[in-house]
Structure formats: structure tokens, C-alpha cells
Amino acid sequence: MTAANPLRGEAALRVNGVELVLRPSFQALATAEADLGPLFALVEPAAEGRLSLAEMVGLFWHCLEARPEAVTREALGEAVMALGLSQAMPVLRILLRQILAGR
């Protein structure tokens, strides 16, 4: 697995000792939008601190570059909870910035 490249809007999240790369590609974001609803509708609640944990984990899940077999969506959610929201927010910020600003 490669390291996250911030120039491509990628972020890294450590889950169960493994660093996962979150890549907000068109396909990943289109799939996230199909699951979560319009992406712009996530930005406002995120800015106001009203984004749900399920929405955050859903966005992270769809942006995973690769999914090791042991990493399920539930395991990702548990890992985010173990990290705490303060550690997950920088990752969310990177992804939202990429959604809004593009490359």
C-alpha cells in the first residue's frame, strides 16, 4: 500500500495498526454520494459540527484506496471511535477540502 499523497487530496487513517489511504477519487465520491446523499449536503453540517459519525465513517469507507480483508465498515467505525473525533477531524477536513476545491 502506498503512503497518502496530500497533493492528490489523500489522507491517512490508522486502523488496527495499519495505515489506510483515503483517496477521494471521482468513483469513490460518486459511490459515497449514492450511499450518503449529495456531498455538498455533508459540508454544511460538518462545518457546524453536526455531521454524524455514520456519515463521517461512510465517507471514509468509500474513499479507502484499498480495503484489507480485516477492515470492514464496522471495524473502520470502531477505529474512528477508538481514535476519537479530534483525531478523525483532520482526515475529514482533507477530504472535504478536496470535495470543495478539487485539484
N, C-alpha and C. Protein backbone atom coordinates (compact mmCIF):
# COMPACT_ATOMS: atom_id res chain seq x y z
N MET A 1 0.84 -1.17 0.00
CA MET A 1 0.00 0.00 0.00
C MET A 1 0.89 1.24 0.00
N THR A 2 0.49 2.26 -0.71
CA THR A 2 1.28 3.47 -0.81
C THR A 2 0.93 4.44 0.32
N ALA A 3 1.80 5.40 0.54
CA ALA A 3 1.54 6.44 1.53
C ALA A 3 0.59 7.47 0.94
N ALA A 4 -0.15 8.14 1.81
CA ALA A 4 -1.08 9.18 1.36
C ALA A 4 -0.32 10.33 0.70
N ASN A 5 -0.85 10.81 -0.40
CA ASN A 5 -0.25 11.93 -1.12
C ASN A 5 -1.15 13.16 -0.95
N PRO A 6 -0.76 14.10 -0.10
CA PRO A 6 -1.60 15.27 0.15
C PRO A 6 -1.83 16.12 -1.10
N LEU A 7 -0.93 16.03 -2.08
CA LEU A 7 -1.12 16.80 -3.32
C LEU A 7 -2.29 16.28 -4.13
N ARG A 8 -2.69 15.05 -3.89
CA ARG A 8 -3.86 14.48 -4.56
C ARG A 8 -5.09 14.51 -3.67
N GLY A 9 -4.99 15.20 -2.55
CA GLY A 9 -6.12 15.28 -1.63
C GLY A 9 -6.31 14.04 -0.79
N GLU A 10 -5.28 13.21 -0.71
CA GLU A 10 -5.37 11.97 0.05
C GLU A 10 -5.08 12.23 1.53
N ALA A 11 -5.62 11.36 2.35
CA ALA A 11 -5.38 11.42 3.78
C ALA A 11 -5.08 10.00 4.26
N ALA A 12 -4.50 9.89 5.44
CA ALA A 12 -4.19 8.58 6.01
C ALA A 12 -4.92 8.43 7.34
N LEU A 13 -5.33 7.21 7.59
CA LEU A 13 -6.02 6.88 8.84
C LEU A 13 -5.49 5.54 9.30
N ARG A 14 -5.07 5.46 10.55
CA ARG A 14 -4.52 4.21 11.09
C ARG A 14 -5.65 3.40 11.71
N VAL A 15 -5.81 2.17 11.20
CA VAL A 15 -6.84 1.26 11.69
C VAL A 15 -6.18 -0.07 12.04
N ASN A 16 -6.32 -0.47 13.30
CA ASN A 16 -5.73 -1.73 13.77
C ASN A 16 -4.25 -1.85 13.42
N GLY A 17 -3.52 -0.75 13.57
CA GLY A 17 -2.09 -0.75 13.31
C GLY A 17 -1.69 -0.63 11.85
N VAL A 18 -2.67 -0.52 10.96
CA VAL A 18 -2.39 -0.42 9.53
C VAL A 18 -2.79 0.98 9.06
N GLU A 19 -1.88 1.62 8.33
CA GLU A 19 -2.20 2.94 7.79
C GLU A 19 -2.97 2.76 6.48
N LEU A 20 -4.19 3.28 6.47
CA LEU A 20 -5.04 3.20 5.29
C LEU A 20 -5.03 4.54 4.57
N VAL A 21 -4.99 4.51 3.26
CA VAL A 21 -5.03 5.72 2.45
C VAL A 21 -6.46 5.98 2.02
N LEU A 22 -6.91 7.19 2.25
CA LEU A 22 -8.23 7.61 1.78
C LEU A 22 -8.02 8.51 0.58
N ARG A 23 -8.52 8.08 -0.56
CA ARG A 23 -8.33 8.80 -1.82
C ARG A 23 -9.70 9.21 -2.35
N PRO A 24 -9.98 10.51 -2.37
CA PRO A 24 -11.28 10.98 -2.84
C PRO A 24 -11.35 11.06 -4.37
N SER A 25 -11.29 9.90 -5.02
CA SER A 25 -11.39 9.85 -6.48
C SER A 25 -12.83 10.10 -6.90
N PHE A 26 -13.03 10.33 -8.19
CA PHE A 26 -14.39 10.54 -8.69
C PHE A 26 -15.26 9.32 -8.35
N GLN A 27 -14.75 8.13 -8.62
CA GLN A 27 -15.54 6.91 -8.36
C GLN A 27 -15.87 6.78 -6.88
N ALA A 28 -14.90 7.05 -6.02
CA ALA A 28 -15.14 6.95 -4.58
C ALA A 28 -16.20 7.94 -4.13
N LEU A 29 -16.11 9.17 -4.62
CA LEU A 29 -17.07 10.20 -4.22
C LEU A 29 -18.45 9.95 -4.80
N ALA A 30 -18.51 9.43 -6.02
CA ALA A 30 -19.80 9.10 -6.63
C ALA A 30 -20.48 7.98 -5.84
N THR A 31 -19.71 7.00 -5.41
CA THR A 31 -20.26 5.91 -4.62
C THR A 31 -20.69 6.41 -3.24
N ALA A 32 -19.89 7.28 -2.65
CA ALA A 32 -20.26 7.87 -1.36
C ALA A 32 -21.55 8.67 -1.48
N GLU A 33 -21.68 9.41 -2.57
CA GLU A 33 -22.87 10.22 -2.78
C GLU A 33 -24.11 9.33 -2.94
N ALA A 34 -23.97 8.21 -3.63
CA ALA A 34 -25.08 7.27 -3.78
C ALA A 34 -25.51 6.71 -2.43
N ASP A 35 -24.56 6.54 -1.52
CA ASP A 35 -24.84 5.99 -0.20
C ASP A 35 -25.31 7.05 0.79
N LEU A 36 -24.68 8.22 0.77
CA LEU A 36 -24.90 9.23 1.80
C LEU A 36 -25.76 10.41 1.37
N GLY A 37 -25.99 10.55 0.08
CA GLY A 37 -26.70 11.71 -0.43
C GLY A 37 -25.70 12.72 -0.96
N PRO A 38 -26.19 13.86 -1.45
CA PRO A 38 -25.31 14.86 -2.06
C PRO A 38 -24.15 15.26 -1.14
N LEU A 39 -22.96 15.30 -1.71
CA LEU A 39 -21.77 15.62 -0.92
C LEU A 39 -21.81 17.04 -0.39
N PHE A 40 -22.35 17.97 -1.16
CA PHE A 40 -22.43 19.34 -0.66
C PHE A 40 -23.31 19.41 0.59
N ALA A 41 -24.26 18.51 0.69
CA ALA A 41 -25.12 18.47 1.87
C ALA A 41 -24.37 18.00 3.11
N LEU A 42 -23.19 17.39 2.94
CA LEU A 42 -22.37 16.98 4.08
C LEU A 42 -21.49 18.12 4.58
N VAL A 43 -21.18 19.05 3.70
CA VAL A 43 -20.22 20.10 4.04
C VAL A 43 -20.77 21.03 5.12
N GLU A 44 -22.00 21.48 4.96
CA GLU A 44 -22.57 22.42 5.94
C GLU A 44 -22.67 21.80 7.34
N PRO A 45 -23.26 20.61 7.47
CA PRO A 45 -23.29 20.02 8.81
C PRO A 45 -21.89 19.78 9.39
N ALA A 46 -20.94 19.44 8.54
CA ALA A 46 -19.57 19.24 9.02
C ALA A 46 -19.00 20.54 9.56
N ALA A 47 -19.24 21.63 8.83
CA ALA A 47 -18.73 22.94 9.26
C ALA A 47 -19.37 23.38 10.58
N GLU A 48 -20.60 22.94 10.80
CA GLU A 48 -21.32 23.32 12.02
C GLU A 48 -21.19 22.29 13.13
N GLY A 49 -20.39 21.25 12.89
CA GLY A 49 -20.22 20.22 13.90
C GLY A 49 -21.42 19.30 14.04
N ARG A 50 -22.23 19.19 12.99
CA ARG A 50 -23.43 18.36 13.05
C ARG A 50 -23.34 17.12 12.15
N LEU A 51 -22.20 16.84 11.61
CA LEU A 51 -22.04 15.65 10.78
C LEU A 51 -22.08 14.43 11.68
N SER A 52 -22.88 13.46 11.33
CA SER A 52 -22.99 12.27 12.19
C SER A 52 -21.76 11.39 12.03
N LEU A 53 -21.51 10.60 13.03
CA LEU A 53 -20.41 9.65 12.99
C LEU A 53 -20.60 8.68 11.82
N ALA A 54 -21.83 8.24 11.60
CA ALA A 54 -22.10 7.31 10.49
C ALA A 54 -21.79 7.95 9.14
N GLU A 55 -22.08 9.24 8.99
CA GLU A 55 -21.77 9.93 7.73
C GLU A 55 -20.26 10.05 7.54
N MET A 56 -19.55 10.38 8.61
CA MET A 56 -18.10 10.50 8.53
C MET A 56 -17.48 9.16 8.15
N VAL A 57 -17.87 8.12 8.84
CA VAL A 57 -17.32 6.79 8.56
C VAL A 57 -17.71 6.34 7.16
N GLY A 58 -18.93 6.67 6.74
CA GLY A 58 -19.36 6.31 5.39
C GLY A 58 -18.48 6.96 4.33
N LEU A 59 -18.18 8.24 4.50
CA LEU A 59 -17.30 8.93 3.56
C LEU A 59 -15.91 8.31 3.58
N PHE A 60 -15.38 8.04 4.76
CA PHE A 60 -14.08 7.40 4.87
C PHE A 60 -14.09 6.04 4.16
N TRP A 61 -15.13 5.27 4.40
CA TRP A 61 -15.24 3.92 3.84
C TRP A 61 -15.16 3.95 2.31
N HIS A 62 -15.92 4.85 1.71
CA HIS A 62 -15.95 4.90 0.25
C HIS A 62 -14.65 5.45 -0.34
N CYS A 63 -13.91 6.22 0.44
CA CYS A 63 -12.66 6.80 -0.06
C CYS A 63 -11.44 5.92 0.19
N LEU A 64 -11.61 4.78 0.85
CA LEU A 64 -10.47 3.90 1.08
C LEU A 64 -9.89 3.45 -0.25
N GLU A 65 -8.59 3.65 -0.40
CA GLU A 65 -7.91 3.23 -1.63
C GLU A 65 -7.92 1.71 -1.75
N ALA A 66 -7.64 1.05 -0.67
CA ALA A 66 -7.63 -0.42 -0.62
C ALA A 66 -8.24 -0.82 0.71
N ARG A 67 -8.95 -1.91 0.70
CA ARG A 67 -9.58 -2.39 1.93
C ARG A 67 -9.01 -3.76 2.29
N PRO A 68 -8.12 -3.78 3.27
CA PRO A 68 -7.65 -5.09 3.74
C PRO A 68 -8.86 -5.91 4.18
N GLU A 69 -8.77 -7.20 4.02
CA GLU A 69 -9.89 -8.09 4.32
C GLU A 69 -10.41 -7.90 5.74
N ALA A 70 -9.54 -7.62 6.68
CA ALA A 70 -9.94 -7.48 8.09
C ALA A 70 -10.64 -6.16 8.38
N VAL A 71 -10.60 -5.22 7.44
CA VAL A 71 -11.20 -3.90 7.68
C VAL A 71 -12.59 -3.87 7.05
N THR A 72 -13.59 -3.99 7.92
CA THR A 72 -14.98 -3.84 7.50
C THR A 72 -15.42 -2.42 7.82
N ARG A 73 -16.58 -2.06 7.33
CA ARG A 73 -17.10 -0.71 7.64
C ARG A 73 -17.29 -0.57 9.15
N GLU A 74 -17.75 -1.63 9.79
CA GLU A 74 -17.92 -1.60 11.24
C GLU A 74 -16.57 -1.44 11.95
N ALA A 75 -15.56 -2.16 11.48
CA ALA A 75 -14.22 -2.04 12.07
C ALA A 75 -13.66 -0.64 11.88
N LEU A 76 -13.94 -0.05 10.72
CA LEU A 76 -13.50 1.33 10.49
C LEU A 76 -14.18 2.28 11.47
N GLY A 77 -15.48 2.08 11.67
CA GLY A 77 -16.22 2.90 12.64
C GLY A 77 -15.67 2.75 14.04
N GLU A 78 -15.37 1.52 14.43
CA GLU A 78 -14.79 1.27 15.76
C GLU A 78 -13.41 1.94 15.88
N ALA A 79 -12.64 1.90 14.80
CA ALA A 79 -11.31 2.53 14.83
C ALA A 79 -11.43 4.04 14.96
N VAL A 80 -12.40 4.63 14.28
CA VAL A 80 -12.61 6.08 14.40
C VAL A 80 -13.00 6.41 15.83
N MET A 81 -13.87 5.60 16.42
CA MET A 81 -14.26 5.83 17.81
C MET A 81 -13.06 5.69 18.75
N ALA A 82 -12.21 4.71 18.49
CA ALA A 82 -11.03 4.50 19.33
C ALA A 82 -10.06 5.68 19.22
N LEU A 83 -9.94 6.23 18.01
CA LEU A 83 -9.07 7.39 17.81
C LEU A 83 -9.64 8.62 18.50
N GLY A 84 -10.94 8.74 18.45
CA GLY A 84 -11.61 9.94 18.95
C GLY A 84 -11.84 10.92 17.81
N LEU A 85 -12.86 11.69 17.94
CA LEU A 85 -13.22 12.63 16.88
C LEU A 85 -12.14 13.67 16.62
N SER A 86 -11.41 14.05 17.65
CA SER A 86 -10.36 15.06 17.44
C SER A 86 -9.28 14.56 16.50
N GLN A 87 -9.01 13.24 16.51
CA GLN A 87 -8.01 12.67 15.61
C GLN A 87 -8.58 12.42 14.22
N ALA A 88 -9.89 12.21 14.12
CA ALA A 88 -10.54 11.94 12.83
C ALA A 88 -10.84 13.23 12.06
N MET A 89 -10.97 14.34 12.75
CA MET A 89 -11.35 15.60 12.10
C MET A 89 -10.34 16.07 11.05
N PRO A 90 -9.04 15.98 11.29
CA PRO A 90 -8.10 16.40 10.23
C PRO A 90 -8.27 15.60 8.95
N VAL A 91 -8.56 14.31 9.07
CA VAL A 91 -8.79 13.47 7.90
C VAL A 91 -10.05 13.93 7.18
N LEU A 92 -11.10 14.18 7.94
CA LEU A 92 -12.36 14.67 7.35
C LEU A 92 -12.13 16.00 6.64
N ARG A 93 -11.37 16.89 7.28
CA ARG A 93 -11.09 18.21 6.68
C ARG A 93 -10.40 18.08 5.33
N ILE A 94 -9.44 17.17 5.25
CA ILE A 94 -8.71 16.96 3.98
C ILE A 94 -9.67 16.51 2.89
N LEU A 95 -10.53 15.55 3.22
CA LEU A 95 -11.47 15.04 2.22
C LEU A 95 -12.48 16.11 1.80
N LEU A 96 -13.00 16.85 2.76
CA LEU A 96 -13.98 17.89 2.44
C LEU A 96 -13.34 19.01 1.61
N ARG A 97 -12.11 19.36 1.93
CA ARG A 97 -11.40 20.38 1.15
C ARG A 97 -11.26 19.92 -0.30
N GLN A 98 -10.95 18.64 -0.50
CA GLN A 98 -10.82 18.09 -1.84
C GLN A 98 -12.16 18.12 -2.57
N ILE A 99 -13.22 17.80 -1.87
CA ILE A 99 -14.56 17.83 -2.49
C ILE A 99 -14.90 19.24 -2.95
N LEU A 100 -14.60 20.21 -2.10
CA LEU A 100 -14.96 21.60 -2.42
C LEU A 100 -14.03 22.28 -3.43
N ALA A 101 -12.74 22.05 -3.26
CA ALA A 101 -11.76 22.79 -4.07
C ALA A 101 -11.30 22.04 -5.30
N GLY A 102 -11.37 20.70 -5.26
CA GLY A 102 -10.84 19.93 -6.38
C GLY A 102 -9.32 19.98 -6.39
N ARG A 103 -8.76 19.61 -7.50
CA ARG A 103 -7.30 19.55 -7.60
C ARG A 103 -6.73 20.87 -8.02
